[in-house]
Amino acid sequence: GASYRESLTLFSQIGDKWGIVSCIEGVAAAAFREEDGEYAVRLLGAAAKTRERLKSTVRALEPREHESLLEESKRKLGEAEYNRLFAEGRDLALEAAVSQALAKGQRARSDTGQRSIHPADEKVDHLRG
């Protein structure tokens, strides 16, 4: 997920929407593997809407993995919940989807001392000591 987030930052800075969409999908796949299926499906919905606007399909090497992720998400969440979350993602502006994808891997720093906004970050913090 971290390398996708780094690439997402760079693609966002240069305005490369194809790169942005690919990275959002990569972040979604990583989130799904970390058992955060709801978040993943929202990102996939946002990416799908942008791909439609760009008249772009999933890259030639990715379609099977992408389709598998969609089917597994439907199976785990149930079709109704999957459809609801996917629709929520489609309603997101691309900038909001980018912000969500980047925020999930970053620590929240605040005056209250909040350290992590995602359970996976706490695991990494523990390993770092």
C-alpha atoms as a PDB file:
ATOM      1  CA  GLY A   1       0.000   0.000   0.000  1.00  0.00           C
ATOM      2  CA  ALA A   2       2.791   2.465   0.840  1.00  0.00           C
ATOM      3  CA  SER A   3       4.366   2.391  -2.622  1.00  0.00           C
ATOM      4  CA  TYR A   4       0.962   2.982  -4.214  1.00  0.00           C
ATOM      5  CA  ARG A   5       0.448   5.947  -1.893  1.00  0.00           C
ATOM      6  CA  GLU A   6       3.852   7.391  -2.807  1.00  0.00           C
ATOM      7  CA  SER A   7       3.076   7.000  -6.498  1.00  0.00           C
ATOM      8  CA  LEU A   8      -0.396   8.440  -5.961  1.00  0.00           C
ATOM      9  CA  THR A   9       1.145  11.562  -4.466  1.00  0.00           C
ATOM     10  CA  LEU A  10       3.403  11.981  -7.493  1.00  0.00           C
ATOM     11  CA  PHE A  11       0.667  11.322 -10.050  1.00  0.00           C
ATOM     12  CA  SER A  12      -1.572  13.803  -8.234  1.00  0.00           C
ATOM     13  CA  GLN A  13       1.128  16.466  -8.348  1.00  0.00           C
ATOM     14  CA  ILE A  14       1.508  16.129 -12.107  1.00  0.00           C
ATOM     15  CA  GLY A  15      -2.209  15.600 -12.791  1.00  0.00           C
ATOM     16  CA  ASP A  16      -1.880  12.132 -14.366  1.00  0.00           C
ATOM     17  CA  LYS A  17      -5.421  10.777 -13.947  1.00  0.00           C
ATOM     18  CA  TRP A  18      -4.590   7.348 -15.417  1.00  0.00           C
ATOM     19  CA  GLY A  19      -1.801   6.939 -12.889  1.00  0.00           C
ATOM     20  CA  ILE A  20      -4.031   8.228 -10.097  1.00  0.00           C
ATOM     21  CA  VAL A  21      -6.724   5.662 -10.885  1.00  0.00           C
ATOM     22  CA  SER A  22      -4.234   2.783 -11.025  1.00  0.00           C
ATOM     23  CA  CYS A  23      -2.790   3.796  -7.676  1.00  0.00           C
ATOM     24  CA  ILE A  24      -6.227   4.152  -6.060  1.00  0.00           C
ATOM     25  CA  GLU A  25      -6.997   0.623  -7.234  1.00  0.00           C
ATOM     26  CA  GLY A  26      -3.681  -0.564  -5.778  1.00  0.00           C
ATOM     27  CA  VAL A  27      -4.473   1.054  -2.430  1.00  0.00           C
ATOM     28  CA  ALA A  28      -7.916  -0.588  -2.565  1.00  0.00           C
ATOM     29  CA  ALA A  29      -6.389  -4.029  -3.197  1.00  0.00           C
ATOM     30  CA  ALA A  30      -3.984  -3.572  -0.276  1.00  0.00           C
ATOM     31  CA  ALA A  31      -6.847  -2.445   1.978  1.00  0.00           C
ATOM     32  CA  PHE A  32      -8.882  -5.484   0.997  1.00  0.00           C
ATOM     33  CA  ARG A  33      -5.963  -7.772   1.903  1.00  0.00           C
ATOM     34  CA  GLU A  34      -5.835  -5.979   5.272  1.00  0.00           C
ATOM     35  CA  GLU A  35      -9.508  -6.840   5.815  1.00  0.00           C
ATOM     36  CA  ASP A  36     -10.779  -3.317   5.169  1.00  0.00           C
ATOM     37  CA  GLY A  37     -13.241  -4.308   2.460  1.00  0.00           C
ATOM     38  CA  GLU A  38     -15.668  -1.418   2.921  1.00  0.00           C
ATOM     39  CA  TYR A  39     -12.943   1.160   2.374  1.00  0.00           C
ATOM     40  CA  ALA A  40     -11.589  -0.837  -0.572  1.00  0.00           C
ATOM     41  CA  VAL A  41     -14.953  -1.003  -2.332  1.00  0.00           C
ATOM     42  CA  ARG A  42     -15.511   2.755  -1.951  1.00  0.00           C
ATOM     43  CA  LEU A  43     -12.138   3.393  -3.595  1.00  0.00           C
ATOM     44  CA  LEU A  44     -12.921   0.911  -6.354  1.00  0.00           C
ATOM     45  CA  GLY A  45     -16.177   2.753  -7.038  1.00  0.00           C
ATOM     46  CA  ALA A  46     -14.359   6.081  -7.307  1.00  0.00           C
ATOM     47  CA  ALA A  47     -11.765   4.548  -9.617  1.00  0.00           C
ATOM     48  CA  ALA A  48     -14.438   2.959 -11.825  1.00  0.00           C
ATOM     49  CA  LYS A  49     -16.214   6.283 -12.316  1.00  0.00           C
ATOM     50  CA  THR A  50     -12.964   7.993 -13.293  1.00  0.00           C
ATOM     51  CA  ARG A  51     -12.019   5.170 -15.667  1.00  0.00           C
ATOM     52  CA  GLU A  52     -15.393   5.592 -17.383  1.00  0.00           C
ATOM     53  CA  ARG A  53     -14.818   9.329 -17.785  1.00  0.00           C
ATOM     54  CA  LEU A  54     -11.354   8.698 -19.205  1.00  0.00           C
ATOM     55  CA  LYS A  55     -12.691   5.919 -21.428  1.00  0.00           C
ATOM     56  CA  SER A  56      -9.982   3.775 -19.919  1.00  0.00           C
ATOM     57  CA  THR A  57     -10.045   0.116 -19.014  1.00  0.00           C
ATOM     58  CA  VAL A  58      -7.996  -1.751 -16.475  1.00  0.00           C
ATOM     59  CA  ARG A  59      -4.506  -2.243 -17.885  1.00  0.00           C
ATOM     60  CA  ALA A  60      -3.868  -5.415 -19.870  1.00  0.00           C
ATOM     61  CA  LEU A  61      -1.967  -7.135 -17.048  1.00  0.00           C
ATOM     62  CA  GLU A  62      -4.534  -6.335 -14.355  1.00  0.00           C
ATOM     63  CA  PRO A  63      -8.054  -7.303 -15.476  1.00  0.00           C
ATOM     64  CA  ARG A  64      -8.108 -10.780 -13.940  1.00  0.00           C
ATOM     65  CA  GLU A  65      -6.815  -9.553 -10.569  1.00  0.00           C
ATOM     66  CA  HIS A  66      -9.203  -6.594 -10.668  1.00  0.00           C
ATOM     67  CA  GLU A  67     -12.218  -8.795 -11.455  1.00  0.00           C
ATOM     68  CA  SER A  68     -11.202 -11.234  -8.722  1.00  0.00           C
ATOM     69  CA  LEU A  69     -11.040  -8.393  -6.202  1.00  0.00           C
ATOM     70  CA  LEU A  70     -14.524  -7.208  -7.177  1.00  0.00           C
ATOM     71  CA  GLU A  71     -16.000 -10.720  -6.919  1.00  0.00           C
ATOM     72  CA  GLU A  72     -14.302 -11.456  -3.587  1.00  0.00           C
ATOM     73  CA  SER A  73     -15.545  -8.129  -2.228  1.00  0.00           C
ATOM     74  CA  LYS A  74     -19.119  -8.989  -3.243  1.00  0.00           C
ATOM     75  CA  ARG A  75     -18.810 -12.392  -1.630  1.00  0.00           C
ATOM     76  CA  LYS A  76     -17.442 -11.071   1.679  1.00  0.00           C
ATOM     77  CA  LEU A  77     -19.676  -8.029   2.013  1.00  0.00           C
ATOM     78  CA  GLY A  78     -22.810  -9.342   0.362  1.00  0.00           C
ATOM     79  CA  GLU A  79     -24.090  -7.952  -2.894  1.00  0.00           C
ATOM     80  CA  ALA A  80     -26.371  -5.289  -1.381  1.00  0.00           C
ATOM     81  CA  GLU A  81     -23.639  -3.859   0.870  1.00  0.00           C
ATOM     82  CA  TYR A  82     -21.097  -4.052  -1.939  1.00  0.00           C
ATOM     83  CA  ASN A  83     -23.441  -2.152  -4.272  1.00  0.00           C
ATOM     84  CA  ARG A  84     -24.107   0.509  -1.623  1.00  0.00           C
ATOM     85  CA  LEU A  85     -20.402   1.068  -0.926  1.00  0.00           C
ATOM     86  CA  PHE A  86     -19.468   1.019  -4.613  1.00  0.00           C
ATOM     87  CA  ALA A  87     -22.141   3.668  -5.283  1.00  0.00           C
ATOM     88  CA  GLU A  88     -20.764   5.785  -2.416  1.00  0.00           C
ATOM     89  CA  GLY A  89     -17.357   5.587  -4.047  1.00  0.00           C
ATOM     90  CA  ARG A  90     -18.766   6.576  -7.422  1.00  0.00           C
ATOM     91  CA  ASP A  91     -20.224   9.672  -5.756  1.00  0.00           C
ATOM     92  CA  LEU A  92     -16.777  10.786  -4.572  1.00  0.00           C
ATOM     93  CA  ALA A  93     -14.920  13.440  -6.511  1.00  0.00           C
ATOM     94  CA  LEU A  94     -11.535  12.196  -7.698  1.00  0.00           C
ATOM     95  CA  GLU A  95      -9.801  14.617  -5.328  1.00  0.00           C
ATOM     96  CA  ALA A  96     -11.770  13.213  -2.385  1.00  0.00           C
ATOM     97  CA  ALA A  97     -10.848   9.656  -3.369  1.00  0.00           C
ATOM     98  CA  VAL A  98      -7.178  10.668  -3.564  1.00  0.00           C
ATOM     99  CA  SER A  99      -7.407  12.300  -0.142  1.00  0.00           C
ATOM    100  CA  GLN A 100      -9.010   9.207   1.358  1.00  0.00           C
ATOM    101  CA  ALA A 101      -6.467   6.886  -0.227  1.00  0.00           C
ATOM    102  CA  LEU A 102      -3.576   8.994   1.067  1.00  0.00           C
ATOM    103  CA  ALA A 103      -5.044   9.595   4.521  1.00  0.00           C
ATOM    104  CA  LYS A 104      -5.552   5.926   5.265  1.00  0.00           C
ATOM    105  CA  GLY A 105      -1.821   5.292   5.362  1.00  0.00           C
ATOM    106  CA  GLN A 106      -0.779   8.455   7.105  1.00  0.00           C
ATOM    107  CA  ARG A 107      -0.763   9.082  10.808  1.00  0.00           C
ATOM    108  CA  ALA A 108      -3.119  11.656  12.108  1.00  0.00           C
ATOM    109  CA  ARG A 109      -1.055  14.230  13.993  1.00  0.00           C
ATOM    110  CA  SER A 110      -2.966  16.500  16.253  1.00  0.00           C
ATOM    111  CA  ASP A 111      -2.777  18.351  19.525  1.00  0.00           C
ATOM    112  CA  THR A 112      -4.745  15.550  21.139  1.00  0.00           C
ATOM    113  CA  GLY A 113      -1.923  13.081  20.512  1.00  0.00           C
ATOM    114  CA  GLN A 114      -3.936  10.882  18.176  1.00  0.00           C
ATOM    115  CA  ARG A 115      -1.399   8.555  16.610  1.00  0.00           C
ATOM    116  CA  SER A 116      -3.008   6.286  14.051  1.00  0.00           C
ATOM    117  CA  ILE A 117      -6.103   6.326  11.898  1.00  0.00           C
ATOM    118  CA  HIS A 118      -5.823   2.750  10.656  1.00  0.00           C
ATOM    119  CA  PRO A 119      -5.271  -0.518  12.569  1.00  0.00           C
ATOM    120  CA  ALA A 120      -2.476  -1.586  10.196  1.00  0.00           C
ATOM    121  CA  ASP A 121      -0.475   1.503  11.201  1.00  0.00           C
ATOM    122  CA  GLU A 122      -0.532   0.351  14.812  1.00  0.00           C
ATOM    123  CA  LYS A 123       0.961  -3.004  13.782  1.00  0.00           C
ATOM    124  CA  VAL A 124       3.801  -1.226  11.986  1.00  0.00           C
ATOM    125  CA  ASP A 125       4.384   1.074  14.985  1.00  0.00           C
ATOM    126  CA  HIS A 126       4.675  -1.973  17.220  1.00  0.00           C
ATOM    127  CA  LEU A 127       7.311  -3.506  14.949  1.00  0.00           C
ATOM    128  CA  ARG A 128       9.275  -0.271  14.857  1.00  0.00           C
ATOM    129  CA  GLY A 129       9.462  -0.301  18.664  1.00  0.00           C
END
